[in-house]
Amino acid sequence: MSVRRIMGTETEYAVSAPGRPHANPVRLSSAVVSAAADPRSSHIRWDYRQEDPVNDARGHRLARSQARPDMLTDEPQLQITNVIAPNGGRIYVDHAHPEYSAPETDDPFEAVRYDHAGDILMRRAASAASQLAGSPITLHRNNVDGKGSSWGTHENYMMLRSVPFALVAELLTAHFVSRQIYAGSGRVGLGERREEAGFQLSQRADSIHNAIGLQTTFDRPIINTRDEPHSGECFRRVHVIVGDANRTDIAQVLKLGTTSLVLWLLEAAQSRDVDLSDVFDRLRLADPVEALHTVSHDLTLAAGLRMTDGSSSTAWQVQIKLFTAVYAMGARVYGTDSRGEPQWPDEETTRVVALWRQALSDVAAIRHADDDARLAMHDAASRVEWLLKWQLLERLRRRLDAAWDDARLAAFDLRWAALDGHESIFEALSGHVQSVFDGQAVERACIRAPEGTRAWCRAALISRIPDRVVAVSWSHVTIRDTTAARGLRTLDMSDPHGFTRAWAEGGEPVVAGDADATSWVRDILQDR
């Protein structure tokens, strides 16, 4: 394994109705999700039986009687609308927001491509819902409203369960606190309710108040402990709720790619019996939540973070230590070339490492530049999202002779996040941002599932026999079959790497709970 692993994103969109300040957000969300449905497959229900929201990765379960109702996602309201997207993803109402969960992919570049596809699908759904309603419904890709509310942009990574979760939590804490310096999306205002004037690196940081916990909608933690793998017993799903709703390709690839490499570092150390205690000792934060807020609020990039050993490190220094540890492990596992560079096993890992190195170089340059010099850093801004947003806002602020609490700056920040291309400032500036994909590649991701994961099988069944598909989850599909007991067959797709297009076309068999069902489904897909 390297940077490549099963991963995916979940994006909650802010929903509103211009001119209707008292519109019900749940109804607006339902209208958008309903508009995303294909009439041929709109009857298919989401199968919640595999969800387990009270299982805690720290080795215990929260009693359901002690869980807040919004934690029990396996007990959906009857009015909740679910849509299986053509690409194998899911569109549904999550609390008071429409959400797009991208299909499983196996590398960070594909994960970002399918994440972008969600923006297109949701924009089209909002447009269709607006036409049906006779009044506009708008979506924004951001994380805060400046009035205390926050919604998530989640990441999911499959990793080996054999790595102790305590080690995963400790190393990821250092990474999540510090990666804001290149992965933050930028935000006007400090504090959950924008109590103080200013600009900060991250949209999500001020909404995080705990170091670790099972909850996601209150007292949000840096490390979420929900243990719901959607895969075999050998793996866990690392569910991340601390990230920003990025718009730029490079920030998104870095967010996903560097996190995957940190997980690989843990897996590689365990499989080769390498002691990482020295790495942990140098990365242990005294107060992770305080550090998270400090990094986000610190535009100088020079603030010292208190470590448990009494020392102080900047976020950039924490990232350098993580990069160095990954780099050294890469050399150990894969050997080095004539230049001493690790011989990474695939192109995706090579590209992510190069982007990570460049990001650290960009941050170092930004750190040592004053505001006037930062305004001229066009190359760095094409890669560092928060810097690009800051440049635009700082120029506007100077032109207006305004303070950071000026409502016009907050309005600009909101328009940056608009999905509607006519309203979005980001869309207007896309030519100034380094892109990883062209528009056609993202359009294809709207209608075609990833061919190298089980998402392909899920999408293929819904496309080819929608009338026979009864229920779907990430790991199971239930299909009508008059020859089976009770007239139904359930395909167990717990292996995310299986049930691919290659498998359907006669490739290697997969490990499944029901061999007969697996063979039967493959016959369907081969039209036999």
Protein backbone atom coordinates (compact mmCIF):
# COMPACT_ATOMS: atom_id res chain seq x y z
CA MET A 1 0.00 0.00 0.00
CA SER A 2 1.03 3.62 -0.52
CA VAL A 3 -1.08 6.73 -0.95
CA ARG A 4 -3.56 4.44 -2.70
CA ARG A 5 -6.36 3.05 -0.58
CA ILE A 6 -10.15 3.01 -0.58
CA MET A 7 -11.29 6.54 0.20
CA GLY A 8 -14.12 8.94 -0.44
CA THR A 9 -15.74 12.20 0.57
CA GLU A 10 -19.08 13.40 1.95
CA THR A 11 -20.20 16.97 1.41
CA GLU A 12 -23.04 18.73 3.18
CA TYR A 13 -24.22 21.81 1.28
CA ALA A 14 -25.67 24.95 2.78
CA VAL A 15 -29.18 25.43 1.39
CA SER A 16 -31.20 28.64 1.23
CA ALA A 17 -34.03 30.34 -0.64
CA PRO A 18 -33.19 33.94 -1.59
CA GLY A 19 -36.05 36.24 -0.67
CA ARG A 20 -37.56 33.64 1.69
CA PRO A 21 -35.59 33.95 4.95
CA HIS A 22 -38.03 31.73 6.85
CA ALA A 23 -38.08 28.86 4.35
CA ASN A 24 -37.77 25.44 5.99
CA PRO A 25 -34.26 24.08 5.24
CA VAL A 26 -35.41 20.45 5.54
CA ARG A 27 -38.07 21.01 2.90
CA LEU A 28 -35.61 22.83 0.68
CA SER A 29 -33.13 19.97 1.08
CA SER A 30 -35.80 17.39 0.27
CA ALA A 31 -36.77 19.32 -2.84
CA VAL A 32 -33.17 19.35 -4.05
CA VAL A 33 -32.62 15.65 -3.37
CA SER A 34 -35.93 14.69 -4.99
CA ALA A 35 -34.94 16.68 -8.07
CA ALA A 36 -31.76 14.62 -8.32
CA ALA A 37 -33.71 11.36 -8.62
CA ASP A 38 -34.10 9.24 -11.74
CA PRO A 39 -37.73 8.05 -11.99
CA ARG A 40 -36.51 4.58 -12.98
CA SER A 41 -34.67 4.10 -9.68
CA SER A 42 -36.43 6.48 -7.27
CA HIS A 43 -38.16 3.55 -5.57
CA ILE A 44 -34.86 2.08 -4.33
CA ARG A 45 -34.46 2.55 -0.60
CA TRP A 46 -31.26 2.97 1.37
CA ASP A 47 -30.48 -0.08 3.51
CA TYR A 48 -29.55 1.16 6.99
CA ARG A 49 -29.03 -2.29 8.48
CA GLN A 50 -25.26 -2.13 8.06
CA GLU A 51 -24.93 1.20 9.87
CA ASP A 52 -23.75 1.23 13.47
CA PRO A 53 -23.46 4.82 14.70
CA VAL A 54 -22.92 4.00 18.39
CA ASN A 55 -19.91 1.71 17.90
CA ASP A 56 -16.80 3.47 19.18
CA ALA A 57 -13.32 2.75 17.80
CA ARG A 58 -11.90 3.04 21.32
CA GLY A 59 -13.37 -0.38 22.09
CA HIS A 60 -16.82 0.25 23.51
CA ARG A 61 -20.36 1.10 22.49
CA LEU A 62 -22.46 4.07 23.48
CA ALA A 63 -25.80 3.00 24.89
CA ARG A 64 -28.51 4.02 22.45
CA SER A 65 -30.47 5.50 25.33
CA GLN A 66 -27.57 7.89 25.95
CA ALA A 67 -27.18 8.94 22.31
CA ARG A 68 -28.71 12.14 21.02
CA PRO A 69 -31.33 11.49 18.32
CA ASP A 70 -29.20 13.11 15.63
CA MET A 71 -26.47 10.52 16.27
CA LEU A 72 -28.78 7.60 15.44
CA THR A 73 -28.41 7.78 11.68
CA ASP A 74 -29.58 4.19 11.33
CA GLU A 75 -33.03 5.36 12.44
CA PRO A 76 -33.88 7.80 9.65
CA GLN A 77 -37.02 9.87 9.60
CA LEU A 78 -39.71 8.49 7.32
CA GLN A 79 -39.56 11.60 5.16
CA ILE A 80 -35.85 11.29 4.42
CA THR A 81 -35.20 11.13 0.70
CA ASN A 82 -32.37 9.01 -0.70
CA VAL A 83 -31.10 8.92 -4.26
CA ILE A 84 -28.46 6.61 -5.68
CA ALA A 85 -26.44 8.75 -8.10
CA PRO A 86 -25.55 7.41 -11.58
CA ASN A 87 -21.89 7.22 -10.51
CA GLY A 88 -22.63 4.95 -7.54
CA GLY A 89 -22.64 7.71 -4.95
CA ARG A 90 -25.51 8.77 -2.68
CA ILE A 91 -27.51 11.99 -2.47
CA TYR A 92 -29.74 12.44 0.55
CA VAL A 93 -31.05 14.75 3.26
CA ASP A 94 -28.77 14.85 6.29
CA HIS A 95 -30.47 16.76 9.11
CA ALA A 96 -31.15 20.15 7.49
CA HIS A 97 -28.75 19.88 4.56
CA PRO A 98 -28.61 18.06 1.24
CA GLU A 99 -25.56 15.80 1.16
CA TYR A 100 -23.59 14.09 -1.57
CA SER A 101 -21.52 11.04 -0.61
CA ALA A 102 -19.08 10.22 -3.39
CA PRO A 103 -18.59 6.63 -4.52
CA GLU A 104 -15.59 4.67 -3.26
CA THR A 105 -12.36 5.39 -5.12
CA ASP A 106 -8.85 4.02 -4.66
CA ASP A 107 -6.62 7.09 -4.88
CA PRO A 108 -6.84 10.76 -3.87
CA PHE A 109 -6.95 12.11 -7.42
CA GLU A 110 -9.98 10.00 -8.30
CA ALA A 111 -11.53 10.91 -4.95
CA VAL A 112 -11.27 14.61 -5.80
CA ARG A 113 -12.65 14.05 -9.31
CA TYR A 114 -15.73 12.32 -7.92
CA ASP A 115 -16.04 14.97 -5.22
CA HIS A 116 -16.18 17.64 -7.95
CA ALA A 117 -18.78 15.55 -9.77
CA GLY A 118 -20.99 15.95 -6.73
CA ASP A 119 -20.91 19.73 -7.10
CA ILE A 120 -22.21 19.39 -10.66
CA LEU A 121 -24.92 16.90 -9.71
CA MET A 122 -26.06 19.05 -6.79
CA ARG A 123 -26.01 22.26 -8.84
CA ARG A 124 -28.22 20.64 -11.46
CA ALA A 125 -30.56 19.27 -8.80
CA ALA A 126 -30.90 22.72 -7.21
CA SER A 127 -31.68 24.23 -10.60
CA ALA A 128 -34.36 21.60 -11.29
CA ALA A 129 -35.83 22.06 -7.81
CA SER A 130 -35.95 25.82 -8.34
CA GLN A 131 -37.91 25.39 -11.56
CA LEU A 132 -40.38 23.05 -9.88
CA ALA A 133 -40.80 25.40 -6.91
CA GLY A 134 -41.08 28.50 -9.05
CA SER A 135 -38.51 30.29 -6.91
CA PRO A 136 -34.74 29.93 -6.50
CA ILE A 137 -33.08 27.41 -4.20
CA THR A 138 -29.35 27.96 -3.81
CA LEU A 139 -26.51 25.78 -2.58
CA HIS A 140 -23.13 26.79 -1.18
CA ARG A 141 -20.08 24.66 -0.63
CA ASN A 142 -18.82 26.00 2.69
CA ASN A 143 -18.86 25.11 6.40
CA VAL A 144 -20.29 28.04 8.38
CA ASP A 145 -23.00 30.69 8.36
CA GLY A 146 -21.25 33.04 10.79
CA LYS A 147 -24.17 32.67 13.21
CA GLY A 148 -23.00 29.56 15.05
CA SER A 149 -24.06 26.82 12.63
CA SER A 150 -21.60 24.51 10.92
CA TRP A 151 -21.90 21.64 8.47
CA GLY A 152 -19.34 19.13 7.40
CA THR A 153 -17.06 18.14 4.58
CA HIS A 154 -16.06 14.63 5.61
CA GLU A 155 -13.29 12.31 4.49
CA ASN A 156 -13.21 8.51 4.75
CA TYR A 157 -10.17 6.24 4.55
CA MET A 158 -9.96 2.47 4.80
CA MET A 159 -6.96 1.23 6.78
CA LEU A 160 -5.73 -1.88 8.55
CA ARG A 161 -7.57 -2.50 11.79
CA SER A 162 -4.47 -4.11 13.28
CA VAL A 163 -2.93 -0.66 13.82
CA PRO A 164 -4.05 0.39 17.34
CA PHE A 165 -6.60 3.17 17.13
CA ALA A 166 -4.82 5.13 19.88
CA LEU A 167 -1.80 5.49 17.59
CA VAL A 168 -3.99 6.48 14.65
CA ALA A 169 -5.71 9.15 16.74
CA GLU A 170 -2.47 10.56 18.10
CA LEU A 171 -0.67 10.93 14.77
CA LEU A 172 -3.73 12.20 12.91
CA THR A 173 -4.32 14.81 15.60
CA ALA A 174 -0.95 16.40 14.86
CA HIS A 175 -1.64 16.19 11.14
CA PHE A 176 -5.16 17.66 11.25
CA VAL A 177 -4.09 20.55 13.47
CA SER A 178 -1.21 21.49 11.19
CA ARG A 179 -2.40 20.68 7.65
CA GLN A 180 -4.58 23.82 7.68
CA ILE A 181 -1.56 25.83 6.54
CA TYR A 182 -1.99 24.43 3.01
CA ALA A 183 -5.44 22.79 3.11
CA GLY A 184 -7.53 25.56 4.68
CA SER A 185 -10.18 27.17 2.49
CA GLY A 186 -10.07 30.57 4.25
CA ARG A 187 -12.80 32.40 6.12
CA VAL A 188 -13.85 35.94 7.03
CA GLY A 189 -14.36 36.32 10.77
CA LEU A 190 -13.01 34.73 13.93
CA GLY A 191 -15.16 32.61 16.22
CA GLU A 192 -18.18 30.46 15.51
CA ARG A 193 -20.44 33.49 15.34
CA ARG A 194 -17.83 35.75 13.80
CA GLU A 195 -17.39 37.43 17.18
CA GLU A 196 -14.11 39.06 16.15
CA ALA A 197 -13.04 40.74 12.95
CA GLY A 198 -10.34 39.13 10.87
CA PHE A 199 -9.49 36.42 8.38
CA GLN A 200 -8.43 32.87 9.21
CA LEU A 201 -7.08 29.83 7.38
CA SER A 202 -9.90 27.36 8.06
CA GLN A 203 -13.68 27.43 7.86
CA ARG A 204 -14.18 24.46 10.16
CA ALA A 205 -11.64 25.02 12.94
CA ASP A 206 -13.72 27.28 15.21
CA SER A 207 -16.52 24.68 15.25
CA ILE A 208 -14.24 22.02 16.78
CA HIS A 209 -14.25 21.86 20.60
CA ASN A 210 -12.98 18.41 21.62
CA ALA A 211 -9.89 16.36 20.93
CA ILE A 212 -11.69 13.05 20.42
CA GLY A 213 -15.25 11.75 20.48
CA LEU A 214 -18.07 9.84 18.80
CA GLN A 215 -20.30 12.84 18.11
CA THR A 216 -20.35 14.85 14.88
CA THR A 217 -23.01 17.55 15.29
CA PHE A 218 -22.21 18.92 18.76
CA ASP A 219 -18.99 19.37 20.75
CA ARG A 220 -17.28 18.29 17.54
CA PRO A 221 -13.94 16.50 17.96
CA ILE A 222 -10.73 16.62 15.96
CA ILE A 223 -10.76 12.81 15.92
CA ASN A 224 -14.11 11.14 15.31
CA THR A 225 -14.32 7.64 16.76
CA ARG A 226 -17.30 6.23 14.87
CA ASP A 227 -16.38 2.63 14.02
CA GLU A 228 -18.43 1.70 10.99
CA PRO A 229 -16.10 0.07 8.44
CA HIS A 230 -18.47 -0.84 5.57
CA SER A 231 -15.87 -3.48 4.72
CA GLY A 232 -14.31 -6.68 6.04
CA GLU A 233 -13.21 -7.32 9.61
CA CYS A 234 -9.55 -6.65 8.83
CA PHE A 235 -10.20 -2.98 8.11
CA ARG A 236 -11.51 0.14 9.76
CA ARG A 237 -12.91 3.28 8.20
CA VAL A 238 -11.27 6.44 9.49
CA HIS A 239 -14.05 9.03 9.42
CA VAL A 240 -12.75 12.61 9.37
CA ILE A 241 -15.00 15.58 10.16
CA VAL A 242 -12.42 18.32 10.78
CA GLY A 243 -11.69 19.29 7.16
CA ASP A 244 -12.76 22.28 5.07
CA ALA A 245 -15.06 22.52 2.06
CA ASN A 246 -12.24 23.22 -0.39
CA ARG A 247 -12.87 24.45 -3.91
CA THR A 248 -9.39 24.08 -5.42
CA ASP A 249 -7.95 20.82 -6.76
CA ILE A 250 -4.54 21.10 -5.12
CA ALA A 251 -5.89 21.75 -1.62
CA GLN A 252 -8.26 18.79 -1.94
CA VAL A 253 -5.64 16.39 -3.29
CA LEU A 254 -3.26 17.43 -0.52
CA LYS A 255 -5.91 17.04 2.16
CA LEU A 256 -6.70 13.49 1.06
CA GLY A 257 -3.26 12.45 -0.16
CA THR A 258 -1.20 13.55 2.84
CA THR A 259 -3.69 11.98 5.25
CA SER A 260 -3.48 8.71 3.33
CA LEU A 261 0.32 8.85 3.57
CA VAL A 262 0.19 9.39 7.34
CA LEU A 263 -2.02 6.30 7.62
CA TRP A 264 0.40 4.40 5.38
CA LEU A 265 3.26 5.42 7.71
CA LEU A 266 1.46 3.73 10.61
CA GLU A 267 0.67 0.61 8.59
CA ALA A 268 4.18 0.31 7.20
CA ALA A 269 5.75 0.77 10.65
CA GLN A 270 3.60 -1.99 12.08
CA SER A 271 4.20 -4.46 9.26
CA ARG A 272 7.97 -3.94 9.49
CA ASP A 273 8.16 -3.63 13.27
CA VAL A 274 9.55 -0.09 13.08
CA ASP A 275 9.43 1.93 16.30
CA LEU A 276 7.83 5.33 15.73
CA SER A 277 8.01 6.44 19.37
CA ASP A 278 10.50 9.20 18.53
CA VAL A 279 8.08 10.58 15.92
CA PHE A 280 5.20 10.49 18.38
CA ASP A 281 7.27 12.13 21.12
CA ARG A 282 8.02 15.10 18.89
CA LEU A 283 4.43 15.53 17.66
CA ARG A 284 2.39 15.26 20.85
CA LEU A 285 0.41 18.48 21.36
CA ALA A 286 -0.30 19.71 24.89
CA ASP A 287 -3.74 21.07 23.93
CA PRO A 288 -4.84 19.96 20.44
CA VAL A 289 -8.04 22.03 20.36
CA GLU A 290 -6.24 25.19 21.40
CA ALA A 291 -3.58 24.43 18.78
CA LEU A 292 -6.20 23.90 16.06
CA HIS A 293 -7.71 27.32 16.72
CA THR A 294 -4.30 28.96 17.04
CA VAL A 295 -3.12 27.68 13.66
CA SER A 296 -6.30 28.78 11.91
CA HIS A 297 -6.19 32.29 13.40
CA ASP A 298 -2.47 32.83 12.83
CA LEU A 299 -1.86 34.51 9.46
CA THR A 300 1.80 34.98 10.38
CA LEU A 301 2.20 31.17 10.28
CA ALA A 302 4.72 31.59 13.08
CA ALA A 303 2.73 30.85 16.23
CA GLY A 304 4.29 28.30 18.53
CA LEU A 305 2.19 25.31 19.57
CA ARG A 306 2.77 23.87 23.02
CA MET A 307 4.02 20.29 22.98
CA THR A 308 3.77 17.82 25.86
CA ASP A 309 7.57 17.70 26.26
CA GLY A 310 7.64 21.42 27.01
CA SER A 311 8.91 22.48 23.62
CA SER A 312 7.16 24.61 21.01
CA SER A 313 6.63 23.93 17.30
CA THR A 314 4.96 25.84 14.51
CA ALA A 315 2.39 24.08 12.32
CA TRP A 316 4.93 24.14 9.48
CA GLN A 317 7.51 22.38 11.68
CA VAL A 318 4.93 19.72 12.62
CA GLN A 319 4.27 19.12 8.93
CA ILE A 320 8.00 18.94 8.19
CA LYS A 321 8.36 16.24 10.85
CA LEU A 322 5.48 14.25 9.36
CA PHE A 323 6.82 14.64 5.83
CA THR A 324 10.28 13.57 6.96
CA ALA A 325 8.92 10.48 8.71
CA VAL A 326 6.91 9.44 5.64
CA TYR A 327 9.90 10.11 3.39
CA ALA A 328 12.24 8.02 5.56
CA MET A 329 9.75 5.16 5.68
CA GLY A 330 9.39 5.34 1.90
CA ALA A 331 13.14 4.99 1.47
CA ARG A 332 13.17 2.07 3.91
CA VAL A 333 10.29 0.20 2.29
CA TYR A 334 10.84 0.92 -1.40
CA GLY A 335 14.54 1.78 -1.60
CA THR A 336 16.00 4.87 -3.22
CA ASP A 337 17.11 5.89 -6.69
CA SER A 338 20.48 7.39 -7.66
CA ARG A 339 19.40 10.76 -6.23
CA GLY A 340 18.41 9.26 -2.90
CA GLU A 341 14.69 9.68 -3.59
CA PRO A 342 12.31 6.94 -2.44
CA GLN A 343 11.20 4.76 -5.32
CA TRP A 344 7.51 5.11 -4.71
CA PRO A 345 5.49 2.22 -6.17
CA ASP A 346 2.96 4.25 -8.17
CA GLU A 347 2.50 7.56 -9.92
CA GLU A 348 -0.17 8.78 -7.51
CA THR A 349 2.15 8.55 -4.50
CA THR A 350 4.98 10.22 -6.38
CA ARG A 351 2.68 13.11 -7.31
CA VAL A 352 1.27 13.56 -3.80
CA VAL A 353 4.75 13.61 -2.24
CA ALA A 354 5.82 16.23 -4.79
CA LEU A 355 2.72 18.34 -4.07
CA TRP A 356 3.32 18.03 -0.33
CA ARG A 357 6.92 19.19 -0.72
CA GLN A 358 5.79 22.13 -2.86
CA ALA A 359 3.09 23.05 -0.35
CA LEU A 360 5.63 23.20 2.46
CA SER A 361 7.85 25.38 0.28
CA ASP A 362 4.91 27.66 -0.52
CA VAL A 363 4.02 28.02 3.15
CA ALA A 364 7.63 28.85 4.05
CA ALA A 365 7.64 31.60 1.41
CA ILE A 366 4.30 32.98 2.60
CA ARG A 367 5.55 32.93 6.19
CA HIS A 368 8.44 35.23 5.39
CA ALA A 369 6.50 37.70 3.22
CA ASP A 370 4.70 40.82 4.38
CA ASP A 371 1.16 41.60 3.22
CA ASP A 372 2.25 43.55 0.13
CA ALA A 373 4.56 40.74 -0.95
CA ARG A 374 1.84 38.15 -0.32
CA LEU A 375 -0.49 40.02 -2.63
CA ALA A 376 1.99 39.44 -5.45
CA MET A 377 2.46 35.69 -4.82
CA HIS A 378 0.41 34.50 -7.79
CA ASP A 379 2.03 31.07 -8.20
CA ALA A 380 1.61 30.15 -4.54
CA ALA A 381 -1.98 31.43 -4.57
CA SER A 382 -2.80 29.15 -7.50
CA ARG A 383 -2.02 26.24 -5.14
CA VAL A 384 -2.86 27.52 -1.64
CA GLU A 385 -6.59 28.17 -1.49
CA TRP A 386 -6.74 30.32 1.64
CA LEU A 387 -4.03 32.60 0.23
CA LEU A 388 -5.94 33.14 -3.01
CA LYS A 389 -9.11 34.04 -1.11
CA TRP A 390 -7.16 36.32 1.23
CA GLN A 391 -5.55 38.14 -1.73
CA LEU A 392 -8.94 38.87 -3.28
CA LEU A 393 -10.47 40.00 -0.01
CA GLU A 394 -7.46 42.09 1.00
CA ARG A 395 -7.53 43.94 -2.33
CA LEU A 396 -11.26 44.54 -1.90
CA ARG A 397 -10.76 45.66 1.70
CA ARG A 398 -8.11 48.18 0.68
CA ARG A 399 -10.20 49.45 -2.22
CA LEU A 400 -13.20 49.96 0.07
CA ASP A 401 -11.04 51.25 2.92
CA ALA A 402 -12.94 48.76 5.06
CA ALA A 403 -12.25 46.75 8.20
CA TRP A 404 -12.49 42.95 8.29
CA ASP A 405 -15.91 43.14 9.90
CA ASP A 406 -17.38 44.90 6.86
CA ALA A 407 -20.49 43.04 5.69
CA ARG A 408 -19.35 43.32 2.07
CA LEU A 409 -16.35 41.10 2.80
CA ALA A 410 -18.59 38.47 4.38
CA ALA A 411 -20.85 38.60 1.32
CA PHE A 412 -17.82 38.09 -0.92
CA ASP A 413 -16.83 35.06 1.17
CA LEU A 414 -20.31 33.59 0.68
CA ARG A 415 -20.24 34.16 -3.08
CA TRP A 416 -16.92 32.33 -3.23
CA ALA A 417 -18.76 29.21 -2.07
CA ALA A 418 -21.79 29.50 -4.38
CA LEU A 419 -22.36 26.48 -6.63
CA ASP A 420 -24.26 28.54 -9.17
CA GLY A 421 -21.70 29.50 -11.79
CA HIS A 422 -23.36 32.90 -12.32
CA GLU A 423 -22.93 33.76 -8.65
CA SER A 424 -19.67 32.01 -7.78
CA ILE A 425 -16.57 34.16 -7.49
CA PHE A 426 -14.47 31.01 -7.40
CA GLU A 427 -15.82 29.84 -10.75
CA ALA A 428 -14.94 33.21 -12.27
CA LEU A 429 -11.35 32.81 -11.05
CA SER A 430 -10.88 29.15 -11.97
CA GLY A 431 -8.38 30.11 -14.66
CA HIS A 432 -6.02 31.39 -11.97
CA VAL A 433 -6.01 28.08 -10.08
CA GLN A 434 -3.88 25.03 -10.80
CA SER A 435 -6.20 22.25 -11.93
CA VAL A 436 -5.73 18.51 -11.81
CA PHE A 437 -8.64 17.60 -14.11
CA ASP A 438 -10.35 19.05 -17.13
CA GLY A 439 -14.07 19.62 -17.26
CA GLN A 440 -14.76 16.57 -19.38
CA ALA A 441 -13.13 14.25 -16.85
CA VAL A 442 -15.36 15.61 -14.11
CA GLU A 443 -18.46 15.38 -16.32
CA ARG A 444 -17.69 11.71 -16.94
CA ALA A 445 -17.48 11.19 -13.18
CA CYS A 446 -21.10 12.37 -12.91
CA ILE A 447 -22.41 9.42 -14.91
CA ARG A 448 -19.74 6.72 -14.68
CA ALA A 449 -18.73 4.94 -11.51
CA PRO A 450 -15.10 4.23 -10.60
CA GLU A 451 -14.25 1.01 -12.41
CA GLY A 452 -11.77 -0.25 -9.82
CA THR A 453 -14.07 -0.46 -6.77
CA ARG A 454 -17.41 -2.02 -5.85
CA ALA A 455 -19.08 1.29 -6.73
CA TRP A 456 -19.00 0.09 -10.35
CA CYS A 457 -21.20 -2.92 -9.56
CA ARG A 458 -23.63 -0.84 -7.52
CA ALA A 459 -24.04 1.68 -10.33
CA ALA A 460 -24.22 -1.00 -13.03
CA LEU A 461 -27.05 -2.87 -11.31
CA ILE A 462 -29.06 0.32 -10.83
CA SER A 463 -28.50 1.27 -14.45
CA ARG A 464 -29.27 -2.14 -15.98
CA ILE A 465 -32.02 -3.58 -13.76
CA PRO A 466 -33.40 -0.67 -11.71
CA ASP A 467 -36.86 -2.22 -11.48
CA ARG A 468 -35.44 -5.28 -9.70
CA VAL A 469 -33.21 -3.49 -7.21
CA VAL A 470 -34.99 -3.12 -3.86
CA ALA A 471 -32.39 -1.66 -1.49
CA VAL A 472 -28.79 -0.47 -1.54
CA SER A 473 -26.09 0.32 1.01
CA TRP A 474 -22.34 0.80 0.66
CA SER A 475 -21.73 -2.92 1.18
CA HIS A 476 -24.95 -4.67 0.10
CA VAL A 477 -27.49 -4.70 -2.73
CA THR A 478 -30.85 -6.48 -2.45
CA ILE A 479 -32.43 -7.63 -5.72
CA ARG A 480 -35.72 -9.32 -6.58
CA ASP A 481 -35.31 -12.93 -7.73
CA THR A 482 -38.39 -15.12 -8.01
CA THR A 483 -36.27 -18.28 -7.76
CA ALA A 484 -34.77 -17.33 -4.39
CA ALA A 485 -36.20 -17.80 -0.92
CA ARG A 486 -38.64 -14.97 -0.11
CA GLY A 487 -38.10 -13.69 -3.67
CA LEU A 488 -34.98 -11.70 -2.81
CA ARG A 489 -31.22 -12.06 -3.06
CA THR A 490 -28.77 -9.87 -1.18
CA LEU A 491 -25.32 -9.40 -2.64
CA ASP A 492 -22.66 -8.96 0.04
CA MET A 493 -20.04 -6.54 -1.32
CA SER A 494 -18.03 -6.10 1.86
CA ASP A 495 -14.81 -6.10 -0.16
CA PRO A 496 -14.51 -2.56 -1.59
CA HIS A 497 -11.77 -3.71 -3.98
CA GLY A 498 -14.02 -6.39 -5.45
CA PHE A 499 -17.06 -6.32 -7.74
CA THR A 500 -15.26 -4.13 -10.25
CA ARG A 501 -15.76 -3.90 -13.98
CA ALA A 502 -12.83 -6.28 -14.49
CA TRP A 503 -14.50 -8.80 -12.16
CA ALA A 504 -17.78 -8.57 -14.05
CA GLU A 505 -15.97 -9.17 -17.33
CA GLY A 506 -14.49 -12.42 -16.09
CA GLY A 507 -11.61 -11.29 -13.89
CA GLU A 508 -10.47 -12.71 -10.57
CA PRO A 509 -13.22 -14.03 -8.27
CA VAL A 510 -14.02 -12.07 -5.13
CA VAL A 511 -14.52 -13.16 -1.56
CA ALA A 512 -18.21 -12.78 -0.70
CA GLY A 513 -20.69 -13.96 1.87
CA ASP A 514 -22.88 -15.70 -0.70
CA ALA A 515 -21.07 -17.30 -3.63
CA ASP A 516 -24.33 -18.15 -5.39
CA ALA A 517 -25.53 -14.56 -5.24
CA THR A 518 -22.17 -13.32 -6.49
CA SER A 519 -22.22 -15.68 -9.46
CA TRP A 520 -25.86 -14.82 -10.18
CA VAL A 521 -25.15 -11.08 -10.21
CA ARG A 522 -22.14 -11.50 -12.46
CA ASP A 523 -24.33 -13.40 -14.92
CA ILE A 524 -26.75 -10.47 -14.91
CA LEU A 525 -23.96 -8.01 -15.60
CA GLN A 526 -22.68 -10.21 -18.43
CA ASP A 527 -26.23 -10.50 -19.81
CA ARG A 528 -26.16 -14.29 -19.68
